[in-house]
């Protein structure tokens, strides 16, 4: 487990990374095939499954691990406590569907930047998730439409590398999620996965220019974003080739 103090020790490193992340906003206006209905269908029907080649465990297993980490709470009588979950960059709802079906959250709000993805996610959830409490909304992770501390938990699977400004996105996530209980080591409020270069070779943070939809340089580049966003604790849960899964939390 790493703490905020690490960020202070690596001030120069975080500052350098900030310049890279901000530079990425230049690519935010580029056309994406996934903003079309056909693109959303293609993502749903095969593109997302190709992430297994990058080290991702598969959509059902990703949802299972997410539920295990973000929904472990029980009261004194052993009864499960249901929390609200915001699923950012939900895409066509492939992972969201399994999260909703688990019924381990009181309500799941799925959000994506592209309305085409939201439409596909609604179709998926309406077809497969009967008697479940969910909502699908279009929105921008850099300017979330929710009040402070609206959700107990926030997740994002394979999304951060698609954001024009990952730091802004993570700061917004921190704003809309409730703080964790510092005395409960299992109370993590945020869980996200993204992609890094499986082999960075001779690339360094000075020579590698990140932009939207490109892998991050390495795990430290991802953790720099978490540190800069103001989280008090974070931990790498899993790494495999290009896949990295991170949990984070902050305290009041």
Protein backbone atom coordinates (compact mmCIF):
# COMPACT_ATOMS: atom_id res chain seq x y z
CA UNK A 1 0.00 0.00 0.00
CA UNK A 2 1.24 3.45 -0.83
CA UNK A 3 0.31 6.75 0.78
CA UNK A 4 0.14 10.40 -0.19
CA UNK A 5 3.54 11.02 1.36
CA UNK A 6 5.00 9.14 -1.59
CA UNK A 7 3.78 11.90 -3.87
CA UNK A 8 5.76 14.50 -1.91
CA UNK A 9 8.89 12.43 -2.18
CA UNK A 10 8.43 12.25 -5.95
CA UNK A 11 7.45 15.85 -6.55
CA UNK A 12 9.68 16.24 -9.56
CA UNK A 13 8.31 13.06 -11.09
CA UNK A 14 4.69 14.07 -10.59
CA UNK A 15 5.36 17.51 -12.07
CA UNK A 16 6.85 16.00 -15.19
CA UNK A 17 3.92 13.67 -15.57
CA UNK A 18 1.46 16.55 -15.18
CA UNK A 19 2.84 18.14 -18.34
CA UNK A 20 2.32 14.88 -20.27
CA UNK A 21 -1.25 14.44 -19.03
CA UNK A 22 -2.25 18.02 -19.83
CA UNK A 23 -0.76 17.73 -23.29
CA UNK A 24 -3.17 14.88 -23.98
CA UNK A 25 -6.11 17.27 -24.14
CA UNK A 26 -5.03 18.22 -27.66
CA UNK A 27 -6.38 14.88 -28.87
CA UNK A 28 -9.81 15.23 -27.24
CA UNK A 29 -11.51 16.47 -30.43
CA UNK A 30 -10.44 13.50 -32.57
CA UNK A 31 -13.15 11.37 -34.13
CA UNK A 32 -13.67 7.96 -32.53
CA UNK A 33 -15.41 5.10 -34.35
CA UNK A 34 -17.03 4.18 -31.04
CA UNK A 35 -19.12 7.33 -31.07
CA UNK A 36 -21.24 5.75 -33.81
CA UNK A 37 -23.88 3.08 -33.30
CA UNK A 38 -22.00 0.66 -35.54
CA UNK A 39 -18.82 1.29 -33.56
CA UNK A 40 -20.61 0.56 -30.28
CA UNK A 41 -21.89 -2.71 -31.70
CA UNK A 42 -18.40 -3.65 -32.91
CA UNK A 43 -16.93 -2.87 -29.47
CA UNK A 44 -19.60 -5.02 -27.83
CA UNK A 45 -19.36 -7.88 -30.32
CA UNK A 46 -15.63 -8.50 -30.33
CA UNK A 47 -13.30 -5.54 -29.80
CA UNK A 48 -13.58 -5.54 -26.00
CA UNK A 49 -12.91 -9.28 -25.87
CA UNK A 50 -9.55 -8.65 -27.55
CA UNK A 51 -8.41 -6.99 -24.33
CA UNK A 52 -7.68 -10.50 -23.06
CA UNK A 53 -4.64 -10.43 -25.32
CA UNK A 54 -3.43 -7.45 -23.27
CA UNK A 55 -3.74 -9.37 -20.00
CA UNK A 56 -7.32 -8.51 -19.04
CA UNK A 57 -8.98 -11.51 -17.34
CA UNK A 58 -12.26 -11.22 -19.26
CA UNK A 59 -15.41 -9.21 -18.63
CA UNK A 60 -17.13 -11.60 -16.22
CA UNK A 61 -14.00 -12.07 -14.11
CA UNK A 62 -13.37 -8.32 -14.11
CA UNK A 63 -16.88 -7.75 -12.75
CA UNK A 64 -16.44 -10.51 -10.19
CA UNK A 65 -13.23 -9.00 -8.83
CA UNK A 66 -14.79 -5.55 -8.81
CA UNK A 67 -17.72 -6.76 -6.74
CA UNK A 68 -15.39 -8.59 -4.34
CA UNK A 69 -13.33 -5.45 -3.69
CA UNK A 70 -16.00 -2.75 -3.70
CA UNK A 71 -18.92 -4.59 -2.09
CA UNK A 72 -17.59 -6.55 0.92
CA UNK A 73 -19.47 -4.64 3.61
CA UNK A 74 -21.64 -6.41 6.20
CA UNK A 75 -23.32 -5.08 9.30
CA UNK A 76 -22.92 -6.51 12.83
CA UNK A 77 -25.46 -9.23 12.09
CA UNK A 78 -23.62 -10.35 8.98
CA UNK A 79 -26.19 -8.86 6.61
CA UNK A 80 -24.71 -7.34 3.49
CA UNK A 81 -24.77 -3.56 3.22
CA UNK A 82 -25.67 -2.36 -0.27
CA UNK A 83 -23.87 0.69 -1.65
CA UNK A 84 -24.44 2.87 -4.68
CA UNK A 85 -21.95 2.49 -7.55
CA UNK A 86 -21.01 4.80 -10.41
CA UNK A 87 -19.51 2.85 -13.32
CA UNK A 88 -17.52 5.34 -15.43
CA UNK A 89 -16.73 4.66 -19.10
CA UNK A 90 -19.19 1.79 -19.09
CA UNK A 91 -19.07 1.41 -22.88
CA UNK A 92 -21.79 -0.92 -24.19
CA UNK A 93 -22.32 -2.36 -20.72
CA UNK A 94 -20.43 -5.64 -21.07
CA UNK A 95 -18.88 -5.48 -17.59
CA UNK A 96 -21.70 -3.37 -16.16
CA UNK A 97 -24.20 -6.12 -16.93
CA UNK A 98 -22.43 -8.61 -14.65
CA UNK A 99 -22.08 -5.97 -11.94
CA UNK A 100 -25.80 -5.21 -12.05
CA UNK A 101 -26.73 -8.90 -12.16
CA UNK A 102 -24.76 -9.52 -8.96
CA UNK A 103 -27.29 -7.34 -7.08
CA UNK A 104 -24.52 -6.44 -4.66
CA UNK A 105 -25.14 -2.72 -5.07
CA UNK A 106 -28.26 -0.80 -4.11
CA UNK A 107 -28.09 1.02 -7.44
CA UNK A 108 -25.66 1.10 -10.35
CA UNK A 109 -25.34 4.26 -12.44
CA UNK A 110 -23.52 3.53 -15.70
CA UNK A 111 -21.98 6.50 -17.52
CA UNK A 112 -20.24 6.91 -20.85
CA UNK A 113 -19.13 9.89 -22.94
CA UNK A 114 -20.67 8.57 -26.15
CA UNK A 115 -24.45 8.36 -26.46
CA UNK A 116 -23.99 5.45 -28.88
CA UNK A 117 -22.37 3.43 -26.07
CA UNK A 118 -25.13 4.46 -23.67
CA UNK A 119 -27.81 3.28 -26.11
CA UNK A 120 -26.07 -0.08 -26.48
CA UNK A 121 -25.68 -0.38 -22.70
CA UNK A 122 -29.39 0.34 -22.17
CA UNK A 123 -30.29 -2.35 -24.68
CA UNK A 124 -28.02 -4.86 -22.95
CA UNK A 125 -29.27 -4.11 -19.44
CA UNK A 126 -32.94 -4.01 -20.44
CA UNK A 127 -32.52 -7.41 -22.09
CA UNK A 128 -30.48 -9.17 -19.41
CA UNK A 129 -31.11 -7.46 -16.07
CA UNK A 130 -34.69 -7.91 -14.88
CA UNK A 131 -35.75 -6.43 -11.54
CA UNK A 132 -32.43 -4.62 -11.10
CA UNK A 133 -31.87 -1.03 -10.03
CA UNK A 134 -29.72 0.74 -12.60
CA UNK A 135 -29.55 3.87 -14.75
CA UNK A 136 -27.51 4.67 -17.86
CA UNK A 137 -26.43 8.28 -18.40
CA UNK A 138 -24.34 10.15 -20.93
CA UNK A 139 -21.67 12.26 -19.26
CA UNK A 140 -18.09 13.51 -19.21
CA UNK A 141 -15.76 12.14 -16.54
CA UNK A 142 -13.93 15.48 -16.52
CA UNK A 143 -17.15 17.31 -15.51
CA UNK A 144 -19.47 14.83 -13.78
CA UNK A 145 -23.07 15.98 -13.34
CA UNK A 146 -23.40 14.74 -9.76
CA UNK A 147 -23.19 16.50 -6.41
CA UNK A 148 -20.23 15.97 -4.08
CA UNK A 149 -20.12 12.60 -2.29
CA UNK A 150 -23.09 11.17 -4.23
CA UNK A 151 -21.78 7.59 -4.46
CA UNK A 152 -20.23 5.15 -2.02
CA UNK A 153 -18.20 3.49 -4.79
CA UNK A 154 -16.87 4.31 -8.27
CA UNK A 155 -15.46 1.92 -10.85
CA UNK A 156 -13.99 2.17 -14.33
CA UNK A 157 -12.82 -0.77 -16.40
CA UNK A 158 -10.52 -0.17 -19.38
CA UNK A 159 -11.47 3.50 -19.45
CA UNK A 160 -8.80 5.87 -18.12
CA UNK A 161 -6.53 5.72 -21.17
CA UNK A 162 -9.50 6.97 -23.24
CA UNK A 163 -9.98 10.14 -21.17
CA UNK A 164 -8.62 13.42 -22.57
CA UNK A 165 -7.43 14.42 -19.07
CA UNK A 166 -6.99 11.48 -16.67
CA UNK A 167 -6.10 13.79 -13.74
CA UNK A 168 -9.28 15.84 -14.19
CA UNK A 169 -11.27 12.62 -14.45
CA UNK A 170 -9.83 11.16 -11.27
CA UNK A 171 -10.32 14.44 -9.39
CA UNK A 172 -13.97 14.41 -10.43
CA UNK A 173 -14.31 10.80 -9.33
CA UNK A 174 -12.83 11.72 -5.96
CA UNK A 175 -15.30 14.60 -5.69
CA UNK A 176 -18.42 12.50 -6.29
CA UNK A 177 -17.40 9.49 -4.17
CA UNK A 178 -17.71 9.40 -0.39
CA UNK A 179 -14.58 9.13 1.76
CA UNK A 180 -13.53 5.77 3.11
CA UNK A 181 -13.27 4.67 6.72
CA UNK A 182 -9.58 4.87 7.59
CA UNK A 183 -10.01 2.23 10.30
CA UNK A 184 -11.46 -0.31 7.85
CA UNK A 185 -8.70 -1.64 5.64
CA UNK A 186 -11.28 -3.24 3.32
CA UNK A 187 -13.17 0.00 2.67
CA UNK A 188 -11.93 1.03 -0.78
CA UNK A 189 -14.03 3.55 -2.69
CA UNK A 190 -12.50 3.49 -6.19
CA UNK A 191 -11.37 0.68 -8.47
CA UNK A 192 -10.16 1.13 -12.04
CA UNK A 193 -8.24 -0.69 -14.74
CA UNK A 194 -6.34 0.70 -17.70
CA UNK A 195 -3.54 -0.22 -20.08
CA UNK A 196 0.21 0.40 -19.98
CA UNK A 197 2.93 -0.44 -22.46
CA UNK A 198 3.61 -4.18 -22.08
CA UNK A 199 7.25 -3.50 -22.94
CA UNK A 200 8.45 0.09 -22.57
CA UNK A 201 11.85 -0.68 -24.10
CA UNK A 202 14.03 2.41 -23.99
CA UNK A 203 11.09 4.81 -23.66
CA UNK A 204 11.14 7.23 -20.72
CA UNK A 205 8.68 9.82 -19.40
CA UNK A 206 10.77 12.44 -21.19
CA UNK A 207 10.60 10.68 -24.58
CA UNK A 208 7.17 9.06 -24.45
CA UNK A 209 4.31 11.42 -25.33
CA UNK A 210 1.01 10.08 -24.05
CA UNK A 211 -2.27 11.04 -25.72
CA UNK A 212 -5.84 9.82 -25.51
CA UNK A 213 -6.37 6.14 -26.43
CA UNK A 214 -2.68 5.29 -26.07
CA UNK A 215 -1.33 3.05 -23.28
CA UNK A 216 0.34 4.79 -20.37
CA UNK A 217 4.10 4.40 -20.12
CA UNK A 218 4.10 2.13 -17.06
CA UNK A 219 2.56 1.58 -13.63
CA UNK A 220 4.28 4.64 -12.17
CA UNK A 221 2.69 6.84 -14.82
CA UNK A 222 -0.71 5.52 -13.72
CA UNK A 223 0.07 5.94 -10.02
CA UNK A 224 1.30 9.49 -10.66
CA UNK A 225 -2.24 10.28 -11.83
CA UNK A 226 -3.73 8.81 -8.66
CA UNK A 227 -1.32 10.75 -6.47
CA UNK A 228 -1.91 14.02 -8.29
CA UNK A 229 -5.69 13.54 -7.99
CA UNK A 230 -5.50 13.69 -4.20
CA UNK A 231 -6.16 10.15 -3.03
CA UNK A 232 -4.66 9.26 0.33
CA UNK A 233 -4.01 5.57 -0.31
CA UNK A 234 -3.78 3.39 -3.38
CA UNK A 235 -2.68 -0.09 -4.23
CA UNK A 236 -2.00 -2.05 -7.40
CA UNK A 237 -4.29 -5.07 -7.20
CA UNK A 238 -3.18 -6.90 -10.31
CA UNK A 239 -0.82 -6.58 -13.27
CA UNK A 240 -0.54 -8.74 -16.36
CA UNK A 241 1.19 -7.62 -19.55
CA UNK A 242 -0.56 -4.35 -20.46
CA UNK A 243 -3.28 -4.72 -17.81
CA UNK A 244 -3.18 -2.88 -14.50
CA UNK A 245 -5.90 -2.81 -11.82
CA UNK A 246 -5.70 -0.19 -9.07
CA UNK A 247 -7.79 0.53 -6.00
CA UNK A 248 -7.78 3.92 -4.25
CA UNK A 249 -9.40 5.83 -1.42
CA UNK A 250 -9.29 9.08 0.48
CA UNK A 251 -10.27 10.10 4.01
CA UNK A 252 -12.22 13.02 5.35
